[in-house]
Amino acid sequence: MKTNTDLTFRRSGERGHVNHGWLDSRFTFSFADYYDPAHMGFRSLRVINDDRIAARTGFPTHPHRDMEIFSYVLEGQLAHRDSMGNARVLEPGQIQLMSAGSGVTHSEFNPADGTTHLLQIWIQPKQRGLTPRYTEWTPAPEQENQPKVLVISPDGRDGSATIAQDADIYRIKLQPGESTTHRLAPGRGLWLHLVRGEAEINGAGISPGDAVSSERAGDFTLTATTDAVEALLFDLA
């Protein structure tokens, strides 16, 4: 991790990596057998796993508790089942958010013949022992290509999924040459994960899989350079 003025970079190639055959994952933060005390999380953000699941395979039913867990599907399909009675198949661009709370079991499976690519993200909740719940976010037609859309928030505003933490999460999509700016308030932290495309943030270059963080209040401008860009931006208490 390197710092450039007020930006701290977590480069894609520095992440943890495991390939189980059916699952190829890269870990932004320590997870499972990948342990790095310098990368345990950022504020309430605990996990960003960049997962590729082979055809007709997936995660069997397993338990969670006291964690806000969401999956952002990038390619392929993701079939979700849980002990709350939810059964869904998610498509690219959709987000599912599960508040594990006092305890829940679930499975995630690739039901198709191609590879499923997704980000699985864990955020620590504000309190323990909450009632488990499940919500989804699907972009409205007018949101499909908006530069910056709120997808998860603590109050569910603007049609976003609701999380049990003071965290606003935005999906960013930019065409080459386009920019969007986020203003970070004092006392909060910013984490940006670049999903695809080449970009600059406040003039510094980033590539797919790279992440940038800052705890300086002010404006952060992401610009797509040579390719269309997709990213997730976290504004965290």
C-alpha atoms as a PDB file:
ATOM      1  CA  MET A   1       0.000   0.000   0.000  1.00  0.00           C
ATOM      2  CA  LYS A   2       1.477   3.334  -1.040  1.00  0.00           C
ATOM      3  CA  THR A   3       0.445   6.874  -0.141  1.00  0.00           C
ATOM      4  CA  ASN A   4       0.409   9.800  -2.581  1.00  0.00           C
ATOM      5  CA  THR A   5      -0.392  13.073  -0.803  1.00  0.00           C
ATOM      6  CA  ASP A   6      -3.868  12.398   0.681  1.00  0.00           C
ATOM      7  CA  LEU A   7      -4.542   9.169  -1.240  1.00  0.00           C
ATOM      8  CA  THR A   8      -3.582   5.649  -0.164  1.00  0.00           C
ATOM      9  CA  PHE A   9      -3.452   2.999  -2.883  1.00  0.00           C
ATOM     10  CA  ARG A  10      -4.146  -0.732  -2.653  1.00  0.00           C
ATOM     11  CA  ARG A  11      -3.002  -2.082  -5.983  1.00  0.00           C
ATOM     12  CA  SER A  12      -4.708  -5.063  -7.578  1.00  0.00           C
ATOM     13  CA  GLY A  13      -1.549  -7.165  -7.811  1.00  0.00           C
ATOM     14  CA  GLU A  14      -0.849  -6.745  -4.099  1.00  0.00           C
ATOM     15  CA  ARG A  15      -4.100  -8.438  -3.048  1.00  0.00           C
ATOM     16  CA  GLY A  16      -4.317 -11.923  -1.607  1.00  0.00           C
ATOM     17  CA  HIS A  17      -5.144 -14.655  -4.119  1.00  0.00           C
ATOM     18  CA  VAL A  18      -6.487 -18.193  -4.001  1.00  0.00           C
ATOM     19  CA  ASN A  19      -7.633 -20.521  -6.775  1.00  0.00           C
ATOM     20  CA  HIS A  20      -9.648 -23.563  -5.729  1.00  0.00           C
ATOM     21  CA  GLY A  21     -10.547 -24.507  -9.304  1.00  0.00           C
ATOM     22  CA  TRP A  22     -14.253 -23.859  -8.884  1.00  0.00           C
ATOM     23  CA  LEU A  23     -13.482 -20.484  -7.215  1.00  0.00           C
ATOM     24  CA  ASP A  24     -10.814 -17.925  -8.121  1.00  0.00           C
ATOM     25  CA  SER A  25     -10.711 -15.107  -5.538  1.00  0.00           C
ATOM     26  CA  ARG A  26      -8.662 -12.012  -4.857  1.00  0.00           C
ATOM     27  CA  PHE A  27      -8.828 -10.503  -1.377  1.00  0.00           C
ATOM     28  CA  THR A  28      -8.455  -6.778  -0.710  1.00  0.00           C
ATOM     29  CA  PHE A  29      -8.356  -7.456   3.037  1.00  0.00           C
ATOM     30  CA  SER A  30      -7.318 -10.423   5.181  1.00  0.00           C
ATOM     31  CA  PHE A  31      -9.735 -13.308   4.652  1.00  0.00           C
ATOM     32  CA  ALA A  32      -9.714 -17.062   5.327  1.00  0.00           C
ATOM     33  CA  ASP A  33      -6.112 -18.311   4.989  1.00  0.00           C
ATOM     34  CA  TYR A  34      -4.878 -14.958   3.635  1.00  0.00           C
ATOM     35  CA  TYR A  35      -3.660 -12.895   6.580  1.00  0.00           C
ATOM     36  CA  ASP A  36      -1.934  -9.537   6.375  1.00  0.00           C
ATOM     37  CA  PRO A  37      -2.032  -7.405   9.545  1.00  0.00           C
ATOM     38  CA  ALA A  38      -1.559  -4.271   7.426  1.00  0.00           C
ATOM     39  CA  HIS A  39      -4.805  -4.989   5.562  1.00  0.00           C
ATOM     40  CA  MET A  40      -7.514  -5.946   8.041  1.00  0.00           C
ATOM     41  CA  GLY A  41     -10.183  -3.549   6.784  1.00  0.00           C
ATOM     42  CA  PHE A  42     -10.994   0.147   6.538  1.00  0.00           C
ATOM     43  CA  ARG A  43     -13.300   1.630   9.158  1.00  0.00           C
ATOM     44  CA  SER A  44     -16.432  -0.580   9.073  1.00  0.00           C
ATOM     45  CA  LEU A  45     -15.447  -2.115   5.707  1.00  0.00           C
ATOM     46  CA  ARG A  46     -14.079  -5.576   6.467  1.00  0.00           C
ATOM     47  CA  VAL A  47     -14.098  -7.643   3.213  1.00  0.00           C
ATOM     48  CA  ILE A  48     -13.907  -7.041  -0.535  1.00  0.00           C
ATOM     49  CA  ASN A  49     -13.531 -10.374  -2.321  1.00  0.00           C
ATOM     50  CA  ASP A  50     -13.283 -10.353  -6.116  1.00  0.00           C
ATOM     51  CA  ASP A  51     -14.776 -13.776  -6.898  1.00  0.00           C
ATOM     52  CA  ARG A  52     -15.040 -15.795 -10.099  1.00  0.00           C
ATOM     53  CA  ILE A  53     -17.231 -18.894  -9.705  1.00  0.00           C
ATOM     54  CA  ALA A  54     -17.010 -21.676 -12.286  1.00  0.00           C
ATOM     55  CA  ALA A  55     -20.105 -22.969 -14.070  1.00  0.00           C
ATOM     56  CA  ARG A  56     -22.612 -24.982 -12.032  1.00  0.00           C
ATOM     57  CA  THR A  57     -20.672 -24.603  -8.779  1.00  0.00           C
ATOM     58  CA  GLY A  58     -20.871 -22.339  -5.756  1.00  0.00           C
ATOM     59  CA  PHE A  59     -20.807 -21.868  -1.992  1.00  0.00           C
ATOM     60  CA  PRO A  60     -22.845 -24.520  -0.140  1.00  0.00           C
ATOM     61  CA  THR A  61     -25.140 -23.536   2.725  1.00  0.00           C
ATOM     62  CA  HIS A  62     -23.140 -21.942   5.543  1.00  0.00           C
ATOM     63  CA  PRO A  63     -23.844 -19.654   8.517  1.00  0.00           C
ATOM     64  CA  HIS A  64     -23.127 -15.971   9.232  1.00  0.00           C
ATOM     65  CA  ARG A  65     -23.945 -13.611  12.043  1.00  0.00           C
ATOM     66  CA  ASP A  66     -23.405  -9.937  12.941  1.00  0.00           C
ATOM     67  CA  MET A  67     -22.242  -8.838   9.504  1.00  0.00           C
ATOM     68  CA  GLU A  68     -23.756  -6.820   6.636  1.00  0.00           C
ATOM     69  CA  ILE A  69     -22.970  -8.860   3.504  1.00  0.00           C
ATOM     70  CA  PHE A  70     -23.648  -7.768  -0.048  1.00  0.00           C
ATOM     71  CA  SER A  71     -22.858  -9.149  -3.468  1.00  0.00           C
ATOM     72  CA  TYR A  72     -22.542  -7.065  -6.631  1.00  0.00           C
ATOM     73  CA  VAL A  73     -22.896  -9.220  -9.748  1.00  0.00           C
ATOM     74  CA  LEU A  74     -20.596  -8.158 -12.599  1.00  0.00           C
ATOM     75  CA  GLU A  75     -20.940 -11.058 -15.070  1.00  0.00           C
ATOM     76  CA  GLY A  76     -23.070 -14.188 -15.244  1.00  0.00           C
ATOM     77  CA  GLN A  77     -25.744 -15.137 -12.714  1.00  0.00           C
ATOM     78  CA  LEU A  78     -25.843 -15.710  -8.959  1.00  0.00           C
ATOM     79  CA  ALA A  79     -28.502 -17.923  -7.346  1.00  0.00           C
ATOM     80  CA  HIS A  80     -29.117 -17.041  -3.689  1.00  0.00           C
ATOM     81  CA  ARG A  81     -31.014 -19.042  -1.056  1.00  0.00           C
ATOM     82  CA  ASP A  82     -31.223 -18.336   2.668  1.00  0.00           C
ATOM     83  CA  SER A  83     -32.897 -19.463   5.879  1.00  0.00           C
ATOM     84  CA  MET A  84     -35.245 -16.450   5.740  1.00  0.00           C
ATOM     85  CA  GLY A  85     -36.994 -18.029   2.740  1.00  0.00           C
ATOM     86  CA  ASN A  86     -35.438 -15.879   0.027  1.00  0.00           C
ATOM     87  CA  ALA A  87     -34.592 -17.505  -3.301  1.00  0.00           C
ATOM     88  CA  ARG A  88     -33.356 -15.240  -6.100  1.00  0.00           C
ATOM     89  CA  VAL A  89     -31.260 -15.338  -9.255  1.00  0.00           C
ATOM     90  CA  LEU A  90     -29.353 -12.101  -9.701  1.00  0.00           C
ATOM     91  CA  GLU A  91     -28.137 -10.672 -13.000  1.00  0.00           C
ATOM     92  CA  PRO A  92     -25.250  -8.293 -13.778  1.00  0.00           C
ATOM     93  CA  GLY A  93     -25.724  -4.871 -12.207  1.00  0.00           C
ATOM     94  CA  GLN A  94     -27.901  -6.151  -9.370  1.00  0.00           C
ATOM     95  CA  ILE A  95     -26.960  -6.052  -5.690  1.00  0.00           C
ATOM     96  CA  GLN A  96     -28.211  -8.251  -2.856  1.00  0.00           C
ATOM     97  CA  LEU A  97     -27.729  -7.168   0.753  1.00  0.00           C
ATOM     98  CA  MET A  98     -28.134  -9.572   3.653  1.00  0.00           C
ATOM     99  CA  SER A  99     -28.057  -8.424   7.273  1.00  0.00           C
ATOM    100  CA  ALA A 100     -26.927 -11.585   9.056  1.00  0.00           C
ATOM    101  CA  GLY A 101     -27.721 -10.164  12.502  1.00  0.00           C
ATOM    102  CA  SER A 102     -28.487 -12.820  15.132  1.00  0.00           C
ATOM    103  CA  GLY A 103     -27.772 -15.588  12.625  1.00  0.00           C
ATOM    104  CA  VAL A 104     -28.644 -16.763   9.127  1.00  0.00           C
ATOM    105  CA  THR A 105     -27.594 -19.511   6.722  1.00  0.00           C
ATOM    106  CA  HIS A 106     -27.336 -19.070   2.970  1.00  0.00           C
ATOM    107  CA  SER A 107     -25.884 -20.494  -0.233  1.00  0.00           C
ATOM    108  CA  GLU A 108     -24.595 -18.766  -3.377  1.00  0.00           C
ATOM    109  CA  PHE A 109     -24.441 -20.735  -6.635  1.00  0.00           C
ATOM    110  CA  ASN A 110     -23.620 -20.169 -10.287  1.00  0.00           C
ATOM    111  CA  PRO A 111     -26.576 -21.756 -12.112  1.00  0.00           C
ATOM    112  CA  ALA A 112     -25.264 -21.103 -15.639  1.00  0.00           C
ATOM    113  CA  ASP A 113     -22.685 -22.570 -18.022  1.00  0.00           C
ATOM    114  CA  GLY A 114     -20.361 -19.532 -17.968  1.00  0.00           C
ATOM    115  CA  THR A 115     -18.295 -17.980 -15.184  1.00  0.00           C
ATOM    116  CA  THR A 116     -19.980 -15.748 -12.613  1.00  0.00           C
ATOM    117  CA  HIS A 117     -17.949 -12.702 -11.586  1.00  0.00           C
ATOM    118  CA  LEU A 118     -18.974 -10.769  -8.495  1.00  0.00           C
ATOM    119  CA  LEU A 119     -17.722  -8.675  -5.629  1.00  0.00           C
ATOM    120  CA  GLN A 120     -18.637  -9.955  -2.179  1.00  0.00           C
ATOM    121  CA  ILE A 121     -18.379  -7.259   0.469  1.00  0.00           C
ATOM    122  CA  TRP A 122     -18.742  -7.372   4.252  1.00  0.00           C
ATOM    123  CA  ILE A 123     -19.402  -4.357   6.458  1.00  0.00           C
ATOM    124  CA  GLN A 124     -19.545  -4.512  10.243  1.00  0.00           C
ATOM    125  CA  PRO A 125     -22.966  -3.424  11.595  1.00  0.00           C
ATOM    126  CA  LYS A 126     -23.498  -0.679  14.167  1.00  0.00           C
ATOM    127  CA  GLN A 127     -24.809  -3.209  16.674  1.00  0.00           C
ATOM    128  CA  ARG A 128     -24.895  -6.943  17.237  1.00  0.00           C
ATOM    129  CA  GLY A 129     -27.856  -9.292  17.418  1.00  0.00           C
ATOM    130  CA  LEU A 130     -30.078  -7.522  14.893  1.00  0.00           C
ATOM    131  CA  THR A 131     -33.013  -9.298  13.266  1.00  0.00           C
ATOM    132  CA  PRO A 132     -31.761 -10.843   9.989  1.00  0.00           C
ATOM    133  CA  ARG A 133     -33.133  -9.321   6.784  1.00  0.00           C
ATOM    134  CA  TYR A 134     -32.595  -9.328   3.028  1.00  0.00           C
ATOM    135  CA  THR A 135     -32.931  -6.528   0.482  1.00  0.00           C
ATOM    136  CA  GLU A 136     -31.957  -6.021  -3.152  1.00  0.00           C
ATOM    137  CA  TRP A 137     -31.066  -3.149  -5.441  1.00  0.00           C
ATOM    138  CA  THR A 138     -31.789  -3.212  -9.153  1.00  0.00           C
ATOM    139  CA  PRO A 139     -31.074  -0.137 -11.269  1.00  0.00           C
ATOM    140  CA  ALA A 140     -34.105   1.649 -12.652  1.00  0.00           C
ATOM    141  CA  PRO A 141     -33.929   2.217 -16.435  1.00  0.00           C
ATOM    142  CA  GLU A 142     -32.854   5.827 -15.931  1.00  0.00           C
ATOM    143  CA  GLN A 143     -30.081   4.711 -13.531  1.00  0.00           C
ATOM    144  CA  GLU A 144     -28.436   2.157 -15.818  1.00  0.00           C
ATOM    145  CA  ASN A 145     -25.799   4.569 -17.105  1.00  0.00           C
ATOM    146  CA  GLN A 146     -25.942   7.410 -14.606  1.00  0.00           C
ATOM    147  CA  PRO A 147     -22.425   8.481 -13.609  1.00  0.00           C
ATOM    148  CA  LYS A 148     -23.064   8.126  -9.868  1.00  0.00           C
ATOM    149  CA  VAL A 149     -25.953   6.281  -8.203  1.00  0.00           C
ATOM    150  CA  LEU A 150     -26.559   5.611  -4.489  1.00  0.00           C
ATOM    151  CA  VAL A 151     -27.069   1.841  -4.162  1.00  0.00           C
ATOM    152  CA  ILE A 152     -26.833   1.257  -0.370  1.00  0.00           C
ATOM    153  CA  SER A 153     -27.482   3.616   2.531  1.00  0.00           C
ATOM    154  CA  PRO A 154     -28.539   3.513   6.210  1.00  0.00           C
ATOM    155  CA  ASP A 155     -31.958   5.030   5.453  1.00  0.00           C
ATOM    156  CA  GLY A 156     -32.804   3.494   2.063  1.00  0.00           C
ATOM    157  CA  ARG A 157     -33.141   6.887   0.433  1.00  0.00           C
ATOM    158  CA  ASP A 158     -33.406   7.281  -3.339  1.00  0.00           C
ATOM    159  CA  GLY A 159     -34.434   3.644  -3.679  1.00  0.00           C
ATOM    160  CA  SER A 160     -31.182   2.264  -2.262  1.00  0.00           C
ATOM    161  CA  ALA A 161     -30.874  -0.969  -0.271  1.00  0.00           C
ATOM    162  CA  THR A 162     -30.735  -0.453   3.493  1.00  0.00           C
ATOM    163  CA  ILE A 163     -27.697  -1.268   5.633  1.00  0.00           C
ATOM    164  CA  ALA A 164     -27.332  -1.332   9.435  1.00  0.00           C
ATOM    165  CA  GLN A 165     -24.304   0.966   9.397  1.00  0.00           C
ATOM    166  CA  ASP A 166     -23.536   4.627   8.676  1.00  0.00           C
ATOM    167  CA  ALA A 167     -22.295   3.843   5.171  1.00  0.00           C
ATOM    168  CA  ASP A 168     -23.270   5.311   1.812  1.00  0.00           C
ATOM    169  CA  ILE A 169     -22.210   3.208  -1.176  1.00  0.00           C
ATOM    170  CA  TYR A 170     -22.327   4.461  -4.757  1.00  0.00           C
ATOM    171  CA  ARG A 171     -22.005   2.702  -8.095  1.00  0.00           C
ATOM    172  CA  ILE A 172     -20.060   4.773 -10.601  1.00  0.00           C
ATOM    173  CA  LYS A 173     -20.194   4.369 -14.386  1.00  0.00           C
ATOM    174  CA  LEU A 174     -18.262   6.705 -16.676  1.00  0.00           C
ATOM    175  CA  GLN A 175     -17.576   6.835 -20.390  1.00  0.00           C
ATOM    176  CA  PRO A 176     -14.072   7.798 -21.602  1.00  0.00           C
ATOM    177  CA  GLY A 177     -13.406  11.426 -20.736  1.00  0.00           C
ATOM    178  CA  GLU A 178     -16.278  11.676 -18.238  1.00  0.00           C
ATOM    179  CA  SER A 179     -15.767  12.595 -14.582  1.00  0.00           C
ATOM    180  CA  THR A 180     -17.704  12.551 -11.343  1.00  0.00           C
ATOM    181  CA  THR A 181     -16.837  14.195  -8.014  1.00  0.00           C
ATOM    182  CA  HIS A 182     -17.605  13.055  -4.477  1.00  0.00           C
ATOM    183  CA  ARG A 183     -17.333  15.406  -1.515  1.00  0.00           C
ATOM    184  CA  LEU A 184     -16.190  13.708   1.703  1.00  0.00           C
ATOM    185  CA  ALA A 185     -17.353  15.375   4.913  1.00  0.00           C
ATOM    186  CA  PRO A 186     -15.003  15.875   7.886  1.00  0.00           C
ATOM    187  CA  GLY A 187     -14.634  12.818  10.098  1.00  0.00           C
ATOM    188  CA  ARG A 188     -15.553  10.317   7.373  1.00  0.00           C
ATOM    189  CA  GLY A 189     -13.488   7.950   5.236  1.00  0.00           C
ATOM    190  CA  LEU A 190     -13.532   7.199   1.511  1.00  0.00           C
ATOM    191  CA  TRP A 191     -12.749   3.884  -0.147  1.00  0.00           C
ATOM    192  CA  LEU A 192     -13.029   3.501  -3.932  1.00  0.00           C
ATOM    193  CA  HIS A 193     -12.694   0.122  -5.679  1.00  0.00           C
ATOM    194  CA  LEU A 194     -12.228   0.221  -9.448  1.00  0.00           C
ATOM    195  CA  VAL A 195     -14.097  -2.658 -11.102  1.00  0.00           C
ATOM    196  CA  ARG A 196     -13.197  -2.084 -14.762  1.00  0.00           C
ATOM    197  CA  GLY A 197     -11.564   0.484 -17.024  1.00  0.00           C
ATOM    198  CA  GLU A 198      -8.581   2.805 -16.662  1.00  0.00           C
ATOM    199  CA  ALA A 199      -9.122   5.910 -14.554  1.00  0.00           C
ATOM    200  CA  GLU A 200      -7.581   8.770 -12.628  1.00  0.00           C
ATOM    201  CA  ILE A 201      -8.603   9.929  -9.165  1.00  0.00           C
ATOM    202  CA  ASN A 202      -7.476  13.451  -8.368  1.00  0.00           C
ATOM    203  CA  GLY A 203      -4.924  13.019 -11.167  1.00  0.00           C
ATOM    204  CA  ALA A 204      -3.457   9.687  -9.994  1.00  0.00           C
ATOM    205  CA  GLY A 205      -3.816   6.665 -12.290  1.00  0.00           C
ATOM    206  CA  ILE A 206      -5.647   3.501 -11.218  1.00  0.00           C
ATOM    207  CA  SER A 207      -6.394   0.224 -13.027  1.00  0.00           C
ATOM    208  CA  PRO A 208      -9.010  -2.536 -12.617  1.00  0.00           C
ATOM    209  CA  GLY A 209      -8.859  -4.133  -9.166  1.00  0.00           C
ATOM    210  CA  ASP A 210      -7.051  -1.144  -7.644  1.00  0.00           C
ATOM    211  CA  ALA A 211      -8.485   0.664  -4.648  1.00  0.00           C
ATOM    212  CA  VAL A 212      -7.924   4.130  -3.210  1.00  0.00           C
ATOM    213  CA  SER A 213      -8.689   5.398   0.284  1.00  0.00           C
ATOM    214  CA  SER A 214      -8.555   8.715   2.086  1.00  0.00           C
ATOM    215  CA  GLU A 215      -9.603  10.227   5.401  1.00  0.00           C
ATOM    216  CA  ARG A 216      -9.182  13.818   4.269  1.00  0.00           C
ATOM    217  CA  ALA A 217     -12.332  15.873   3.885  1.00  0.00           C
ATOM    218  CA  GLY A 218     -12.779  17.415   0.465  1.00  0.00           C
ATOM    219  CA  ASP A 219     -13.466  16.633  -3.165  1.00  0.00           C
ATOM    220  CA  PHE A 220     -12.387  13.468  -4.961  1.00  0.00           C
ATOM    221  CA  THR A 221     -12.779  13.408  -8.745  1.00  0.00           C
ATOM    222  CA  LEU A 222     -12.758  10.148 -10.696  1.00  0.00           C
ATOM    223  CA  THR A 223     -12.135  10.449 -14.449  1.00  0.00           C
ATOM    224  CA  ALA A 224     -12.381   7.689 -17.048  1.00  0.00           C
ATOM    225  CA  THR A 225      -9.370   7.862 -19.334  1.00  0.00           C
ATOM    226  CA  THR A 226      -9.136   5.419 -22.264  1.00  0.00           C
ATOM    227  CA  ASP A 227     -11.978   3.018 -21.365  1.00  0.00           C
ATOM    228  CA  ALA A 228     -15.441   2.991 -19.855  1.00  0.00           C
ATOM    229  CA  VAL A 229     -15.170   2.800 -16.078  1.00  0.00           C
ATOM    230  CA  GLU A 230     -17.178   1.091 -13.358  1.00  0.00           C
ATOM    231  CA  ALA A 231     -16.424   1.495  -9.646  1.00  0.00           C
ATOM    232  CA  LEU A 232     -17.875   1.272  -6.163  1.00  0.00           C
ATOM    233  CA  LEU A 233     -17.368   4.227  -3.817  1.00  0.00           C
ATOM    234  CA  PHE A 234     -17.777   3.848  -0.038  1.00  0.00           C
ATOM    235  CA  ASP A 235     -18.409   6.896   2.196  1.00  0.00           C
ATOM    236  CA  LEU A 236     -17.967   5.560   5.750  1.00  0.00           C
ATOM    237  CA  ALA A 237     -18.403   6.908   9.282  1.00  0.00           C
END
